[in-house]
Amino acid sequence: MSAIANRLKKNWSTLKPWADKLEIEAFRLYDRDIPEYPFIIEVFGNHSVLWDRRDDEIDSGKEQNFEDTIAAVVALGIPRANMVVKRRARQAPRPTEETKGRQYSRKSRGSPELLVREGSHKFLVNLHDYLDTGLFLDHRRTRKLVADHVQRRTDARLGTRFLNLFCYTGSFSVYAARAGATVTSVDMSPVYLAWAERNFIANNLMTSNHRFINEDVLQWMKDGSARKTGPYDFIFCDPPTFSNSKKMEGTWDIARDHKWLIDQCLEALSPDGVLIFSANRREFSLDESFKDMDDYKVRELTRDTLPKDFHDAKARRVYLFS
C-alpha cells in the first residue's frame, strides 16, 4: 500500500465518523500532509475534488504519485467518475469579487449542482464549472459562531439586522437568516448573488424577506450605503486580499486598506453591534490602532474558528469586534 493510501485511510477513519455524527457532508480530507503528494482533497458527499498543487520543477518525474492518489481516493469508495481534478498553478488568496474573471470564471458550463449538508443547513456546490466550489469549508465554525450569536438575540426577542459583505454564495447569510436575522447580502457578482438566493431557497428561506445587493462592495461602503441602510447589529466582512477589478476604481490591498474598511463597518454598527472581519492573507497584521480602542474590544478568533479538518492556522485571520 502506498504512503498516500495509508494516510488517506487514516484520515478517513478519523474524519468520516466525525463528519457523519455532525451531518457534515463536505469536509477536507487531506492537505499536502506528505510533501511528495502535494494535493488537497475535499469530499462532497459521494464526490471529491482534488486540487493539484504540484510544482512543475520540484515534482517533475512524480507522475505515479498523482496516480496513486487517485487510486487511494477510489479505494475509499468514491467512484473515479465522481472525482474532479483542479489545477491551480500557485497558492492564491481566497477569491472573491476581484478574481471572478479568473478563479470564478466558468471552466465549463451547465454542470449540475450538488446539495450538501452542513448540520441542519444545506448548500449547493458546483464541482466543475468554477475553480472553487461555492462553499469555503474553512469557515464552517465561523458560520456556527455567527448563527449562535444571532440565535441568542432571537431567543431574547431582539431582532438582528445582519450585513454580509463580499457575500459570495451566501453561506453566512443562510446561517444568519435561519437563526432569525434579517439579512443584507452584498457582492459584485450577479452570478454569486443568484447562487446565494438558491441557497436560501434550499434552506426554505423566503428570499423576499432579505436583500441581495449587486454592487461593488468597496464603492458601496465608500458611498456610505452601509450607514444609510443600517445600523446593523452584526456585520460579517470577508474581503479579497487584492483587487484591481475593472468594475471598481483604483486597487484594493487588504494589508494597506483594511483599516479604512473596518472603520466603515464599525460606523455602520448599532451601539451593541458586532463585527467579524476575516483576512485571507498569510502574515496579515491588524492595524495597531485597533489594539487599544475605547468603544470596541478586539479578539482574535483564528484558532477558535479553525475546523477539525483543517490544520493550517496561518492561512487566514479572523477578528471579532464587540
Protein backbone atom coordinates (compact mmCIF):
# COMPACT_ATOMS: atom_id res chain seq x y z
CA MET A 1 0.00 0.00 0.00
CA SER A 2 1.37 3.43 -0.97
CA ALA A 3 2.15 6.16 1.56
CA ILE A 4 -0.74 8.26 0.33
CA ALA A 5 -3.15 5.34 0.58
CA ASN A 6 -2.13 4.78 4.19
CA ARG A 7 -2.54 8.48 5.02
CA LEU A 8 -5.94 8.83 3.36
CA LYS A 9 -7.18 5.69 5.07
CA LYS A 10 -6.03 7.06 8.42
CA ASN A 11 -7.57 10.49 7.81
CA TRP A 12 -10.81 8.91 6.60
CA SER A 13 -11.11 6.71 9.70
CA THR A 14 -10.85 9.84 11.87
CA LEU A 15 -12.81 12.39 9.87
CA LYS A 16 -15.64 10.39 8.32
CA PRO A 17 -17.21 9.27 11.65
CA TRP A 18 -16.85 12.82 12.99
CA ALA A 19 -18.48 14.27 9.88
CA ASP A 20 -21.29 11.71 9.90
CA LYS A 21 -22.07 12.42 13.55
CA LEU A 22 -22.39 16.14 12.83
CA GLU A 23 -24.14 15.57 9.48
CA ILE A 24 -21.33 17.29 7.62
CA GLU A 25 -21.16 16.10 4.02
CA ALA A 26 -18.42 18.44 2.83
CA PHE A 27 -15.03 18.30 4.54
CA ARG A 28 -11.31 18.45 3.81
CA LEU A 29 -9.72 15.03 3.83
CA TYR A 30 -6.10 15.82 3.00
CA ASP A 31 -3.95 18.94 2.72
CA ARG A 32 -0.44 18.22 1.46
CA ASP A 33 0.29 16.15 4.57
CA ILE A 34 3.12 14.35 2.78
CA PRO A 35 5.49 16.58 0.76
CA GLU A 36 5.75 14.04 -2.06
CA TYR A 37 1.97 14.23 -2.50
CA PRO A 38 1.23 17.99 -2.87
CA PHE A 39 -2.54 17.74 -3.20
CA ILE A 40 -5.62 18.99 -1.39
CA ILE A 41 -8.60 16.64 -1.31
CA GLU A 42 -12.09 17.66 -0.26
CA VAL A 43 -15.11 15.40 -0.02
CA PHE A 44 -18.62 16.45 -1.07
CA GLY A 45 -20.99 13.59 -0.29
CA ASN A 46 -20.05 10.79 -2.68
CA HIS A 47 -17.94 13.17 -4.78
CA SER A 48 -14.49 14.66 -4.27
CA VAL A 49 -12.30 17.44 -5.57
CA LEU A 50 -8.53 17.04 -5.83
CA TRP A 51 -6.57 20.27 -6.12
CA ASP A 52 -3.32 19.54 -7.87
CA ARG A 53 -0.62 21.73 -6.29
CA ARG A 54 2.40 20.11 -7.95
CA ASP A 55 5.33 22.31 -8.88
CA ASP A 56 6.50 21.70 -12.44
CA GLU A 57 10.14 21.63 -11.35
CA ILE A 58 10.11 20.24 -7.82
CA ASP A 59 7.61 17.48 -8.61
CA SER A 60 8.91 16.57 -12.04
CA GLY A 61 9.00 12.81 -12.56
CA LYS A 62 6.50 12.06 -9.79
CA GLU A 63 3.53 11.32 -12.04
CA GLN A 64 2.99 7.99 -10.30
CA ASN A 65 2.30 9.83 -7.04
CA PHE A 66 -0.66 11.51 -8.71
CA GLU A 67 -2.00 8.19 -9.99
CA ASP A 68 -1.51 6.62 -6.57
CA THR A 69 -3.51 9.46 -5.01
CA ILE A 70 -6.39 8.95 -7.43
CA ALA A 71 -6.37 5.23 -6.67
CA ALA A 72 -6.30 5.90 -2.92
CA VAL A 73 -9.40 8.10 -3.13
CA VAL A 74 -11.24 5.48 -5.18
CA ALA A 75 -10.29 2.86 -2.58
CA LEU A 76 -12.26 4.89 -0.01
CA GLY A 77 -15.41 4.26 -2.02
CA ILE A 78 -15.61 7.43 -4.09
CA PRO A 79 -16.05 6.47 -7.77
CA ARG A 80 -13.47 7.81 -10.20
CA ALA A 81 -16.34 9.28 -12.23
CA ASN A 82 -17.25 11.39 -9.18
CA MET A 83 -13.75 12.86 -8.80
CA VAL A 84 -12.86 16.29 -10.12
CA VAL A 85 -9.24 17.35 -10.56
CA LYS A 86 -8.47 21.06 -10.49
CA ARG A 87 -5.16 22.72 -11.15
CA ARG A 88 -4.08 25.99 -9.56
CA ALA A 89 -0.56 26.92 -10.53
CA ARG A 90 0.28 28.61 -7.25
CA GLN A 91 -1.27 29.30 -3.89
CA ALA A 92 -3.65 32.20 -4.37
CA PRO A 93 -5.64 34.19 -1.83
CA ARG A 94 -9.23 33.16 -1.39
CA PRO A 95 -11.03 34.57 -4.43
CA THR A 96 -13.98 36.86 -4.05
CA GLU A 97 -15.02 39.71 -6.27
CA GLU A 98 -11.68 40.60 -7.78
CA THR A 99 -10.98 37.19 -9.26
CA LYS A 100 -14.24 36.24 -10.89
CA GLY A 101 -12.58 36.87 -14.23
CA ARG A 102 -10.08 34.11 -13.39
CA GLN A 103 -10.84 31.88 -10.40
CA TYR A 104 -14.58 32.48 -10.71
CA SER A 105 -14.80 32.38 -14.47
CA ARG A 106 -16.57 29.34 -15.84
CA LYS A 107 -14.30 26.43 -16.67
CA SER A 108 -17.23 24.55 -18.20
CA ARG A 109 -20.95 25.22 -18.50
CA GLY A 110 -24.13 23.72 -17.24
CA SER A 111 -22.73 21.19 -14.78
CA PRO A 112 -25.27 20.05 -12.18
CA GLU A 113 -25.11 21.48 -8.68
CA LEU A 114 -24.89 19.14 -5.71
CA LEU A 115 -26.74 19.74 -2.46
CA VAL A 116 -24.58 19.03 0.60
CA ARG A 117 -25.47 19.21 4.26
CA GLU A 118 -23.63 21.14 6.93
CA GLY A 119 -25.52 20.10 10.02
CA SER A 120 -29.07 21.34 9.55
CA HIS A 121 -28.01 23.68 6.75
CA LYS A 122 -27.85 22.84 3.06
CA PHE A 123 -25.68 24.33 0.35
CA LEU A 124 -25.44 24.00 -3.39
CA VAL A 125 -21.95 23.34 -4.70
CA ASN A 126 -20.66 23.16 -8.25
CA LEU A 127 -17.57 21.00 -8.57
CA HIS A 128 -16.97 21.52 -12.29
CA ASP A 129 -17.80 24.96 -13.62
CA TYR A 130 -15.50 27.12 -11.49
CA LEU A 131 -12.13 26.76 -9.84
CA ASP A 132 -13.81 26.92 -6.42
CA THR A 133 -16.89 25.01 -5.39
CA GLY A 134 -19.18 27.65 -3.86
CA LEU A 135 -18.57 26.75 -0.21
CA PHE A 136 -15.50 27.67 1.83
CA LEU A 137 -15.13 24.80 4.28
CA ASP A 138 -12.56 26.53 6.49
CA HIS A 139 -15.22 28.93 7.78
CA ARG A 140 -17.63 26.24 8.96
CA ARG A 141 -17.07 27.03 12.65
CA THR A 142 -17.20 30.77 11.96
CA ARG A 143 -20.63 30.30 10.41
CA LYS A 144 -21.82 28.50 13.55
CA LEU A 145 -20.43 31.27 15.73
CA VAL A 146 -22.48 33.77 13.74
CA ALA A 147 -25.63 31.68 14.00
CA ASP A 148 -25.20 31.15 17.74
CA HIS A 149 -24.88 34.90 18.33
CA VAL A 150 -27.96 35.67 16.24
CA GLN A 151 -29.92 32.86 17.90
CA ARG A 152 -29.21 34.27 21.36
CA ARG A 153 -30.60 37.61 20.24
CA THR A 154 -33.62 35.90 18.70
CA ASP A 155 -34.27 33.93 21.89
CA ALA A 156 -34.11 37.22 23.80
CA ARG A 157 -36.66 38.64 21.36
CA LEU A 158 -34.12 41.00 19.91
CA GLY A 159 -34.13 41.45 16.18
CA THR A 160 -30.86 41.21 14.27
CA ARG A 161 -30.01 43.14 11.14
CA PHE A 162 -27.17 41.23 9.53
CA LEU A 163 -24.88 42.57 6.79
CA ASN A 164 -22.75 40.16 4.76
CA LEU A 165 -20.10 41.97 2.71
CA PHE A 166 -18.40 40.14 -0.19
CA CYS A 167 -21.07 37.53 0.42
CA TYR A 168 -20.04 35.09 -2.36
CA THR A 169 -22.74 32.36 -2.43
CA GLY A 170 -24.30 33.45 0.84
CA SER A 171 -23.41 30.69 3.30
CA PHE A 172 -23.07 33.15 6.19
CA SER A 173 -26.27 34.81 5.10
CA VAL A 174 -28.10 31.48 5.28
CA TYR A 175 -26.80 30.76 8.77
CA ALA A 176 -27.82 34.22 9.99
CA ALA A 177 -31.25 34.11 8.35
CA ARG A 178 -32.08 30.67 9.71
CA ALA A 179 -31.18 31.93 13.20
CA GLY A 180 -33.70 34.76 12.81
CA ALA A 181 -31.79 37.67 11.30
CA THR A 182 -32.94 39.97 8.52
CA VAL A 183 -30.06 39.76 6.07
CA THR A 184 -28.49 42.11 3.54
CA SER A 185 -26.00 40.38 1.23
CA VAL A 186 -23.72 42.46 -0.99
CA ASP A 187 -21.45 41.24 -3.79
CA MET A 188 -20.21 42.50 -7.14
CA SER A 189 -21.08 39.27 -8.96
CA PRO A 190 -24.69 38.72 -10.06
CA VAL A 191 -23.82 35.05 -10.62
CA TYR A 192 -22.99 34.50 -6.96
CA LEU A 193 -25.87 36.60 -5.67
CA ALA A 194 -28.22 34.37 -7.68
CA TRP A 195 -26.43 31.37 -6.21
CA ALA A 196 -26.94 32.84 -2.73
CA GLU A 197 -30.66 33.14 -3.41
CA ARG A 198 -30.77 29.48 -4.47
CA ASN A 199 -29.08 28.58 -1.20
CA PHE A 200 -31.80 30.49 0.65
CA ILE A 201 -34.46 28.55 -1.22
CA ALA A 202 -32.66 25.26 -0.48
CA ASN A 203 -32.98 26.12 3.22
CA ASN A 204 -36.67 27.05 2.97
CA LEU A 205 -35.96 30.74 3.46
CA MET A 206 -38.07 33.41 1.78
CA THR A 207 -35.76 35.50 -0.37
CA SER A 208 -38.29 38.33 -0.36
CA ASN A 209 -37.63 38.86 3.35
CA HIS A 210 -33.97 39.67 2.71
CA ARG A 211 -31.92 41.91 0.43
CA PHE A 212 -29.43 40.84 -2.23
CA ILE A 213 -27.46 43.83 -3.49
CA ASN A 214 -25.36 43.62 -6.65
CA GLU A 215 -22.74 46.33 -6.09
CA ASP A 216 -19.00 46.83 -5.83
CA VAL A 217 -18.75 46.43 -2.05
CA LEU A 218 -15.90 48.90 -1.65
CA GLN A 219 -17.71 51.60 -3.60
CA TRP A 220 -20.94 50.79 -1.76
CA MET A 221 -19.16 51.34 1.54
CA LYS A 222 -17.39 54.46 0.23
CA ASP A 223 -20.76 55.93 -0.75
CA GLY A 224 -21.97 55.46 2.82
CA SER A 225 -24.63 52.94 1.82
CA ALA A 226 -23.99 50.73 4.85
CA ARG A 227 -24.63 53.65 7.18
CA LYS A 228 -27.68 54.74 5.20
CA THR A 229 -29.26 51.27 5.18
CA GLY A 230 -28.17 50.43 8.73
CA PRO A 231 -27.46 50.42 11.51
CA TYR A 232 -26.63 46.72 11.57
CA ASP A 233 -26.43 44.51 14.64
CA PHE A 234 -23.93 42.15 13.06
CA ILE A 235 -21.58 42.59 10.10
CA PHE A 236 -19.51 39.85 8.54
CA CYS A 237 -16.77 41.09 6.22
CA ASP A 238 -14.52 38.72 4.26
CA PRO A 239 -12.78 40.89 1.64
CA PRO A 240 -10.39 39.84 -1.13
CA THR A 241 -6.69 40.04 -0.48
CA PHE A 242 -6.08 42.14 -3.56
CA SER A 243 -8.27 43.59 -6.28
CA ASN A 244 -7.81 45.54 -9.48
CA SER A 245 -11.17 44.68 -10.96
CA LYS A 246 -12.28 46.75 -13.94
CA LYS A 247 -15.59 47.30 -12.18
CA MET A 248 -14.02 49.27 -9.36
CA GLU A 249 -11.92 52.40 -9.10
CA GLY A 250 -8.27 52.04 -8.15
CA THR A 251 -6.90 48.97 -6.39
CA TRP A 252 -7.57 47.24 -3.11
CA ASP A 253 -4.89 45.72 -0.91
CA ILE A 254 -6.00 44.22 2.38
CA ALA A 255 -2.73 44.97 4.19
CA ARG A 256 -2.85 48.61 3.11
CA ASP A 257 -6.59 49.29 3.16
CA HIS A 258 -8.18 47.11 5.83
CA LYS A 259 -8.22 49.88 8.45
CA TRP A 260 -10.42 52.03 6.23
CA LEU A 261 -12.84 49.19 5.58
CA ILE A 262 -13.08 48.16 9.22
CA ASP A 263 -13.70 51.78 10.22
CA GLN A 264 -16.52 51.94 7.67
CA CYS A 265 -18.04 48.75 9.10
CA LEU A 266 -17.84 49.98 12.68
CA GLU A 267 -19.59 53.21 11.71
CA ALA A 268 -22.49 51.14 10.33
CA LEU A 269 -22.96 49.09 13.51
CA SER A 270 -25.66 49.64 16.11
CA PRO A 271 -24.43 50.64 19.62
CA ASP A 272 -24.20 47.00 20.74
CA GLY A 273 -23.29 45.68 17.29
CA VAL A 274 -20.68 43.06 16.42
CA LEU A 275 -18.25 42.82 13.51
CA ILE A 276 -16.37 39.75 12.35
CA PHE A 277 -13.55 40.57 9.96
CA SER A 278 -11.68 37.85 8.08
CA ALA A 279 -8.36 38.36 6.30
CA ASN A 280 -7.24 35.67 3.89
CA ARG A 281 -3.60 36.55 3.76
CA ARG A 282 -0.60 34.94 5.38
CA GLU A 283 1.33 37.16 7.77
CA PHE A 284 -1.61 39.56 7.99
CA SER A 285 -1.34 42.00 10.85
CA LEU A 286 -4.22 44.08 12.16
CA ASP A 287 -3.56 47.81 12.25
CA GLU A 288 -2.09 48.90 15.59
CA SER A 289 -4.88 51.43 16.13
CA PHE A 290 -7.36 48.60 16.75
CA LYS A 291 -5.44 47.20 19.71
CA ASP A 292 -6.50 49.95 22.09
CA MET A 293 -9.98 51.16 21.26
CA ASP A 294 -12.37 53.00 23.53
CA ASP A 295 -15.62 51.72 22.03
CA TYR A 296 -14.76 48.17 20.96
CA LYS A 297 -12.85 45.19 22.24
CA VAL A 298 -10.98 43.19 19.63
CA ARG A 299 -10.41 39.46 19.98
CA GLU A 300 -8.69 37.18 17.50
CA LEU A 301 -10.73 34.06 16.74
CA THR A 302 -8.41 32.44 14.22
CA ARG A 303 -7.72 29.24 16.14
CA ASP A 304 -11.16 29.16 17.75
CA THR A 305 -12.75 29.03 14.31
CA LEU A 306 -10.34 26.50 12.75
CA PRO A 307 -12.34 23.33 11.95
CA LYS A 308 -11.19 19.83 12.86
CA ASP A 309 -10.43 19.02 9.23
CA PHE A 310 -8.07 21.99 8.78
CA HIS A 311 -4.62 22.33 10.32
CA ASP A 312 -3.16 25.47 8.76
CA ALA A 313 -3.98 28.28 11.17
CA LYS A 314 -1.86 30.76 9.21
CA ALA A 315 -3.98 30.67 6.05
CA ARG A 316 -6.40 33.29 7.34
CA ARG A 317 -7.08 35.55 10.32
CA VAL A 318 -10.45 36.12 12.00
CA TYR A 319 -11.18 39.01 14.36
CA LEU A 320 -14.21 39.86 16.49
CA PHE A 321 -15.03 43.50 17.25
CA SER A 322 -17.63 43.81 20.01
